[in-house]
Amino acid sequence: MGRVLAILPVLAALGCGGSNMGQVRGTVTYKGKPVTPGIVQFYPDSGPMAFGGLNAHGQFTLTTKTPGDGALAGRHRVCFLPFIPGAGDTGPGKPQFDDNPKNLPQKYRSRESTPLTVDVVAGSTIEVTFELED
């Protein structure tokens, strides 16, 4: 009996055969063009937010705790933020950034105003495409 009790905390930590995370990859466009640079944020009803950077093609992969680990299972509100450069990202010879880009409509920048939701399923991989509209 003592050996069985010693194993229970390990089994509880592992879960019942799976994770409560799902992999999420996607693309974000506006007027047919990739939204970049920027950040995608997935907000679950409870628990930590997942996020991903938008590459030059408007593509992203979500991370919650470790790179590429995905998002918690469940419904998420999805919003996008423009990339705001840090001190090392600006200056002579560096690209210029707009903190209010025209390729990212305002309604998608807040989890309170975004109309977008995605359901993430534990143990699965989903690919999403967001075509942002005015």
N, C-alpha and C. Protein backbone atom coordinates (compact mmCIF):
# COMPACT_ATOMS: atom_id res chain seq x y z
N MET A 1 0.82 -1.20 0.00
CA MET A 1 0.00 0.00 0.00
C MET A 1 0.86 1.26 0.00
N GLY A 2 1.97 1.25 0.75
CA GLY A 2 2.86 2.39 0.81
C GLY A 2 3.45 2.74 -0.55
N ARG A 3 3.75 1.70 -1.37
CA ARG A 3 4.32 1.95 -2.70
C ARG A 3 3.28 2.59 -3.62
N VAL A 4 2.05 2.18 -3.51
CA VAL A 4 0.99 2.74 -4.34
C VAL A 4 0.79 4.22 -4.00
N LEU A 5 0.77 4.56 -2.72
CA LEU A 5 0.61 5.95 -2.31
C LEU A 5 1.77 6.81 -2.76
N ALA A 6 2.98 6.25 -2.80
CA ALA A 6 4.14 7.02 -3.24
C ALA A 6 4.06 7.35 -4.72
N ILE A 7 3.40 6.51 -5.51
CA ILE A 7 3.28 6.73 -6.95
C ILE A 7 2.18 7.73 -7.28
N LEU A 8 1.15 7.84 -6.48
CA LEU A 8 0.01 8.70 -6.79
C LEU A 8 0.38 10.15 -7.07
N PRO A 9 1.25 10.79 -6.27
CA PRO A 9 1.60 12.18 -6.61
C PRO A 9 2.27 12.31 -7.98
N VAL A 10 3.07 11.31 -8.37
CA VAL A 10 3.72 11.34 -9.68
C VAL A 10 2.68 11.23 -10.78
N LEU A 11 1.73 10.31 -10.64
CA LEU A 11 0.67 10.16 -11.63
C LEU A 11 -0.19 11.41 -11.71
N ALA A 12 -0.48 12.02 -10.59
CA ALA A 12 -1.29 13.24 -10.58
C ALA A 12 -0.55 14.37 -11.30
N ALA A 13 0.76 14.43 -11.11
CA ALA A 13 1.54 15.48 -11.78
C ALA A 13 1.57 15.27 -13.28
N LEU A 14 1.59 14.02 -13.72
CA LEU A 14 1.61 13.73 -15.15
C LEU A 14 0.25 13.91 -15.79
N GLY A 15 -0.80 13.80 -15.03
CA GLY A 15 -2.14 13.89 -15.60
C GLY A 15 -2.61 12.52 -16.02
N CYS A 16 -3.79 12.47 -16.57
CA CYS A 16 -4.38 11.19 -16.96
C CYS A 16 -4.11 10.93 -18.43
N GLY A 17 -2.85 10.75 -18.78
CA GLY A 17 -2.52 10.36 -20.13
C GLY A 17 -2.38 11.50 -21.11
N GLY A 18 -2.32 12.75 -20.70
CA GLY A 18 -2.18 13.81 -21.67
C GLY A 18 -1.97 15.16 -21.05
N SER A 19 -1.84 16.13 -21.91
CA SER A 19 -1.62 17.51 -21.50
C SER A 19 -2.90 18.30 -21.73
N ASN A 20 -3.03 19.42 -21.06
CA ASN A 20 -4.18 20.30 -21.30
C ASN A 20 -3.82 21.40 -22.28
N MET A 21 -2.81 21.15 -23.11
CA MET A 21 -2.34 22.12 -24.09
C MET A 21 -2.63 21.62 -25.50
N GLY A 22 -2.82 22.56 -26.41
CA GLY A 22 -2.95 22.26 -27.83
C GLY A 22 -2.02 23.15 -28.61
N GLN A 23 -1.46 22.64 -29.68
CA GLN A 23 -0.56 23.42 -30.53
C GLN A 23 -1.40 24.32 -31.44
N VAL A 24 -0.93 25.56 -31.63
CA VAL A 24 -1.64 26.51 -32.49
C VAL A 24 -0.64 27.24 -33.36
N ARG A 25 -0.88 27.18 -34.67
CA ARG A 25 -0.10 27.93 -35.65
C ARG A 25 -1.09 28.68 -36.53
N GLY A 26 -0.63 29.78 -37.11
CA GLY A 26 -1.55 30.49 -37.97
C GLY A 26 -0.93 31.62 -38.76
N THR A 27 -1.81 32.30 -39.49
CA THR A 27 -1.44 33.42 -40.33
C THR A 27 -2.44 34.55 -40.12
N VAL A 28 -1.95 35.79 -40.13
CA VAL A 28 -2.80 36.96 -39.95
C VAL A 28 -2.58 37.89 -41.14
N THR A 29 -3.69 38.26 -41.80
CA THR A 29 -3.61 39.18 -42.93
C THR A 29 -4.66 40.28 -42.77
N TYR A 30 -4.41 41.38 -43.46
CA TYR A 30 -5.34 42.50 -43.52
C TYR A 30 -5.29 43.04 -44.94
N LYS A 31 -6.44 43.07 -45.59
CA LYS A 31 -6.53 43.49 -46.99
C LYS A 31 -5.59 42.67 -47.87
N GLY A 32 -5.50 41.36 -47.56
CA GLY A 32 -4.72 40.45 -48.37
C GLY A 32 -3.22 40.48 -48.13
N LYS A 33 -2.76 41.30 -47.20
CA LYS A 33 -1.31 41.40 -46.92
C LYS A 33 -1.03 40.94 -45.49
N PRO A 34 0.17 40.35 -45.27
CA PRO A 34 0.51 39.88 -43.92
C PRO A 34 0.57 41.03 -42.92
N VAL A 35 0.07 40.77 -41.71
CA VAL A 35 0.21 41.73 -40.61
C VAL A 35 1.54 41.43 -39.95
N THR A 36 2.43 42.42 -39.99
CA THR A 36 3.76 42.27 -39.41
C THR A 36 4.39 43.65 -39.26
N PRO A 37 5.22 43.92 -38.32
CA PRO A 37 5.52 43.08 -37.16
C PRO A 37 4.40 43.22 -36.13
N GLY A 38 4.30 42.26 -35.27
CA GLY A 38 3.27 42.30 -34.24
C GLY A 38 3.29 41.07 -33.36
N ILE A 39 2.33 41.01 -32.46
CA ILE A 39 2.22 39.91 -31.50
C ILE A 39 0.78 39.44 -31.46
N VAL A 40 0.57 38.13 -31.49
CA VAL A 40 -0.75 37.51 -31.34
C VAL A 40 -0.89 37.11 -29.88
N GLN A 41 -2.07 37.37 -29.28
CA GLN A 41 -2.32 36.97 -27.90
C GLN A 41 -3.62 36.16 -27.85
N PHE A 42 -3.56 34.99 -27.21
CA PHE A 42 -4.73 34.14 -26.98
C PHE A 42 -5.02 34.18 -25.48
N TYR A 43 -6.20 34.69 -25.11
CA TYR A 43 -6.61 34.79 -23.71
C TYR A 43 -7.67 33.74 -23.39
N PRO A 44 -7.34 32.73 -22.55
CA PRO A 44 -8.35 31.74 -22.15
C PRO A 44 -9.30 32.34 -21.11
N ASP A 45 -10.41 31.64 -20.86
CA ASP A 45 -11.35 32.08 -19.82
C ASP A 45 -10.66 32.14 -18.46
N SER A 46 -9.74 31.19 -18.21
CA SER A 46 -8.93 31.24 -16.99
C SER A 46 -7.58 30.60 -17.31
N GLY A 47 -6.56 31.07 -16.62
CA GLY A 47 -5.22 30.55 -16.85
C GLY A 47 -4.36 31.52 -17.63
N PRO A 48 -3.12 31.12 -17.90
CA PRO A 48 -2.17 32.02 -18.54
C PRO A 48 -2.46 32.24 -20.03
N MET A 49 -2.15 33.43 -20.49
CA MET A 49 -2.26 33.80 -21.89
C MET A 49 -1.18 33.09 -22.70
N ALA A 50 -1.48 32.80 -23.97
CA ALA A 50 -0.48 32.31 -24.92
C ALA A 50 -0.21 33.43 -25.92
N PHE A 51 0.98 33.44 -26.50
CA PHE A 51 1.34 34.53 -27.41
C PHE A 51 2.30 34.01 -28.48
N GLY A 52 2.44 34.79 -29.53
CA GLY A 52 3.40 34.46 -30.58
C GLY A 52 3.71 35.69 -31.40
N GLY A 53 4.93 35.80 -31.85
CA GLY A 53 5.34 36.90 -32.70
C GLY A 53 4.96 36.63 -34.15
N LEU A 54 4.60 37.70 -34.86
CA LEU A 54 4.27 37.59 -36.28
C LEU A 54 5.54 37.77 -37.11
N ASN A 55 5.85 36.81 -37.99
CA ASN A 55 7.03 36.94 -38.82
C ASN A 55 6.71 37.77 -40.06
N ALA A 56 7.63 37.87 -40.99
CA ALA A 56 7.47 38.71 -42.18
C ALA A 56 6.31 38.26 -43.08
N HIS A 57 5.83 37.03 -42.90
CA HIS A 57 4.72 36.49 -43.68
C HIS A 57 3.41 36.53 -42.90
N GLY A 58 3.42 37.15 -41.70
CA GLY A 58 2.23 37.21 -40.87
C GLY A 58 1.92 35.89 -40.17
N GLN A 59 2.90 35.02 -40.05
CA GLN A 59 2.71 33.70 -39.44
C GLN A 59 3.19 33.70 -37.99
N PHE A 60 2.57 32.81 -37.19
CA PHE A 60 2.92 32.71 -35.77
C PHE A 60 2.78 31.28 -35.28
N THR A 61 3.45 30.99 -34.17
CA THR A 61 3.30 29.75 -33.41
C THR A 61 3.15 30.18 -31.95
N LEU A 62 2.15 29.62 -31.25
CA LEU A 62 1.89 30.06 -29.88
C LEU A 62 2.78 29.41 -28.84
N THR A 63 3.05 30.20 -27.79
CA THR A 63 3.84 29.79 -26.63
C THR A 63 3.10 30.24 -25.37
N THR A 64 3.06 29.36 -24.37
CA THR A 64 2.53 29.75 -23.06
C THR A 64 3.65 29.81 -22.04
N LYS A 65 4.39 28.72 -21.88
CA LYS A 65 5.49 28.69 -20.92
C LYS A 65 6.84 28.44 -21.57
N THR A 66 6.88 27.50 -22.51
CA THR A 66 8.12 27.20 -23.22
C THR A 66 7.89 27.38 -24.71
N PRO A 67 8.90 27.77 -25.47
CA PRO A 67 8.70 28.07 -26.89
C PRO A 67 7.96 26.97 -27.65
N GLY A 68 6.85 27.38 -28.30
CA GLY A 68 6.08 26.47 -29.13
C GLY A 68 5.20 25.47 -28.41
N ASP A 69 5.03 25.64 -27.08
CA ASP A 69 4.23 24.65 -26.34
C ASP A 69 2.73 24.79 -26.57
N GLY A 70 2.27 25.85 -27.20
CA GLY A 70 0.86 26.00 -27.53
C GLY A 70 0.08 26.83 -26.53
N ALA A 71 -1.22 26.51 -26.45
CA ALA A 71 -2.15 27.25 -25.58
C ALA A 71 -2.97 26.26 -24.77
N LEU A 72 -3.50 26.72 -23.65
CA LEU A 72 -4.38 25.88 -22.84
C LEU A 72 -5.61 25.48 -23.64
N ALA A 73 -6.12 24.29 -23.37
CA ALA A 73 -7.35 23.84 -24.03
C ALA A 73 -8.51 24.72 -23.58
N GLY A 74 -9.42 24.99 -24.50
CA GLY A 74 -10.60 25.79 -24.20
C GLY A 74 -10.75 26.96 -25.15
N ARG A 75 -11.76 27.78 -24.88
CA ARG A 75 -12.06 28.94 -25.71
C ARG A 75 -11.11 30.09 -25.36
N HIS A 76 -10.64 30.78 -26.40
CA HIS A 76 -9.72 31.92 -26.23
C HIS A 76 -10.24 33.12 -27.01
N ARG A 77 -10.09 34.30 -26.44
CA ARG A 77 -10.30 35.55 -27.16
C ARG A 77 -8.95 35.90 -27.78
N VAL A 78 -8.97 36.33 -29.04
CA VAL A 78 -7.73 36.54 -29.78
C VAL A 78 -7.57 38.01 -30.12
N CYS A 79 -6.42 38.57 -29.77
CA CYS A 79 -6.13 39.95 -30.16
C CYS A 79 -4.70 40.06 -30.66
N PHE A 80 -4.41 41.20 -31.27
CA PHE A 80 -3.11 41.43 -31.91
C PHE A 80 -2.58 42.79 -31.47
N LEU A 81 -1.29 42.85 -31.22
CA LEU A 81 -0.66 44.10 -30.82
C LEU A 81 0.43 44.45 -31.81
N PRO A 82 0.57 45.74 -32.13
CA PRO A 82 1.69 46.12 -32.98
C PRO A 82 2.99 45.96 -32.21
N PHE A 83 4.07 45.72 -32.92
CA PHE A 83 5.38 45.64 -32.29
C PHE A 83 5.82 47.05 -31.92
N ILE A 84 6.13 47.25 -30.66
CA ILE A 84 6.65 48.53 -30.18
C ILE A 84 8.14 48.30 -29.88
N PRO A 85 9.03 48.95 -30.61
CA PRO A 85 10.45 48.67 -30.44
C PRO A 85 11.00 49.13 -29.11
N GLY A 86 12.00 48.41 -28.64
CA GLY A 86 12.75 48.80 -27.45
C GLY A 86 13.89 49.72 -27.86
N ALA A 87 14.64 50.21 -26.90
CA ALA A 87 15.71 51.16 -27.16
C ALA A 87 16.74 50.62 -28.15
N GLY A 88 17.06 49.34 -28.09
CA GLY A 88 18.05 48.76 -28.99
C GLY A 88 17.53 48.51 -30.39
N ASP A 89 16.23 48.68 -30.60
CA ASP A 89 15.63 48.42 -31.90
C ASP A 89 15.48 49.66 -32.76
N THR A 90 15.87 50.81 -32.25
CA THR A 90 15.71 52.06 -33.01
C THR A 90 17.06 52.74 -33.20
N GLY A 91 17.07 53.69 -34.10
CA GLY A 91 18.29 54.46 -34.30
C GLY A 91 18.74 54.41 -35.75
N PRO A 92 19.87 55.04 -36.04
CA PRO A 92 20.39 55.08 -37.41
C PRO A 92 20.62 53.67 -37.96
N GLY A 93 20.19 53.46 -39.19
CA GLY A 93 20.38 52.17 -39.84
C GLY A 93 19.41 51.09 -39.40
N LYS A 94 18.49 51.41 -38.50
CA LYS A 94 17.49 50.43 -38.03
C LYS A 94 16.16 50.74 -38.71
N PRO A 95 15.30 49.72 -38.85
CA PRO A 95 13.99 49.98 -39.46
C PRO A 95 13.15 50.92 -38.62
N GLN A 96 12.29 51.66 -39.27
CA GLN A 96 11.37 52.56 -38.57
C GLN A 96 10.08 51.80 -38.24
N PHE A 97 9.55 52.00 -37.05
CA PHE A 97 8.34 51.32 -36.61
C PHE A 97 7.25 52.34 -36.32
N ASP A 98 6.03 51.93 -36.60
CA ASP A 98 4.86 52.77 -36.37
C ASP A 98 4.08 52.16 -35.21
N ASP A 99 3.90 52.90 -34.10
CA ASP A 99 3.18 52.35 -32.95
C ASP A 99 1.66 52.34 -33.16
N ASN A 100 1.19 52.87 -34.28
CA ASN A 100 -0.23 52.81 -34.62
C ASN A 100 -0.35 52.43 -36.11
N PRO A 101 0.07 51.19 -36.46
CA PRO A 101 0.11 50.82 -37.87
C PRO A 101 -1.28 50.77 -38.50
N LYS A 102 -1.31 51.08 -39.78
CA LYS A 102 -2.58 51.09 -40.53
C LYS A 102 -3.00 49.67 -40.92
N ASN A 103 -2.12 48.67 -40.73
CA ASN A 103 -2.45 47.30 -41.10
C ASN A 103 -3.01 46.49 -39.93
N LEU A 104 -3.44 47.18 -38.87
CA LEU A 104 -3.97 46.48 -37.70
C LEU A 104 -5.14 47.29 -37.12
N PRO A 105 -6.38 46.98 -37.57
CA PRO A 105 -7.54 47.74 -37.09
C PRO A 105 -7.64 47.72 -35.56
N GLN A 106 -8.06 48.82 -35.01
CA GLN A 106 -8.11 49.03 -33.55
C GLN A 106 -8.94 47.98 -32.82
N LYS A 107 -10.04 47.54 -33.39
CA LYS A 107 -10.93 46.61 -32.66
C LYS A 107 -10.26 45.28 -32.33
N TYR A 108 -9.19 44.92 -33.02
CA TYR A 108 -8.50 43.65 -32.77
C TYR A 108 -7.37 43.78 -31.74
N ARG A 109 -7.15 44.97 -31.22
CA ARG A 109 -6.01 45.20 -30.33
C ARG A 109 -6.30 44.99 -28.85
N SER A 110 -7.52 44.65 -28.51
CA SER A 110 -7.91 44.46 -27.11
C SER A 110 -8.76 43.21 -26.97
N ARG A 111 -8.56 42.46 -25.90
CA ARG A 111 -9.40 41.27 -25.69
C ARG A 111 -10.84 41.65 -25.39
N GLU A 112 -11.07 42.88 -24.95
CA GLU A 112 -12.44 43.32 -24.68
C GLU A 112 -13.20 43.66 -25.97
N SER A 113 -12.49 44.12 -27.01
CA SER A 113 -13.17 44.55 -28.23
C SER A 113 -13.04 43.58 -29.40
N THR A 114 -12.13 42.63 -29.32
CA THR A 114 -11.95 41.73 -30.46
C THR A 114 -13.17 40.83 -30.66
N PRO A 115 -13.57 40.62 -31.91
CA PRO A 115 -14.67 39.70 -32.18
C PRO A 115 -14.17 38.26 -32.38
N LEU A 116 -12.87 38.04 -32.30
CA LEU A 116 -12.30 36.74 -32.63
C LEU A 116 -12.18 35.82 -31.43
N THR A 117 -12.60 34.57 -31.62
CA THR A 117 -12.40 33.52 -30.62
C THR A 117 -11.93 32.26 -31.34
N VAL A 118 -11.18 31.44 -30.61
CA VAL A 118 -10.70 30.16 -31.13
C VAL A 118 -10.83 29.14 -30.01
N ASP A 119 -11.28 27.94 -30.36
CA ASP A 119 -11.33 26.82 -29.42
C ASP A 119 -10.09 25.96 -29.63
N VAL A 120 -9.30 25.80 -28.57
CA VAL A 120 -8.10 24.98 -28.60
C VAL A 120 -8.45 23.64 -27.96
N VAL A 121 -8.05 22.56 -28.62
CA VAL A 121 -8.33 21.21 -28.14
C VAL A 121 -7.04 20.58 -27.63
N ALA A 122 -7.08 20.04 -26.42
CA ALA A 122 -5.91 19.42 -25.81
C ALA A 122 -5.38 18.30 -26.69
N GLY A 123 -4.06 18.27 -26.83
CA GLY A 123 -3.40 17.20 -27.57
C GLY A 123 -3.51 17.30 -29.08
N SER A 124 -4.10 18.37 -29.60
CA SER A 124 -4.24 18.51 -31.05
C SER A 124 -3.44 19.70 -31.55
N THR A 125 -3.30 19.77 -32.86
CA THR A 125 -2.66 20.90 -33.52
C THR A 125 -3.69 21.55 -34.43
N ILE A 126 -3.87 22.86 -34.27
CA ILE A 126 -4.78 23.56 -35.18
C ILE A 126 -4.02 24.64 -35.93
N GLU A 127 -4.46 24.87 -37.15
CA GLU A 127 -3.93 25.94 -37.99
C GLU A 127 -5.08 26.91 -38.22
N VAL A 128 -4.85 28.18 -37.91
CA VAL A 128 -5.90 29.19 -38.07
C VAL A 128 -5.41 30.28 -39.01
N THR A 129 -6.37 30.87 -39.73
CA THR A 129 -6.09 32.00 -40.59
C THR A 129 -7.04 33.13 -40.20
N PHE A 130 -6.48 34.26 -39.89
CA PHE A 130 -7.28 35.44 -39.55
C PHE A 130 -7.13 36.46 -40.66
N GLU A 131 -8.24 36.80 -41.32
CA GLU A 131 -8.27 37.89 -42.30
C GLU A 131 -8.97 39.03 -41.60
N LEU A 132 -8.22 39.99 -41.12
CA LEU A 132 -8.78 41.11 -40.37
C LEU A 132 -9.56 42.04 -41.30
N GLU A 133 -10.67 42.57 -40.78
CA GLU A 133 -11.52 43.47 -41.55
C GLU A 133 -11.71 44.76 -40.78
N ASP A 134 -12.05 45.84 -41.53
CA ASP A 134 -12.32 47.13 -40.89
C ASP A 134 -13.53 47.05 -39.98
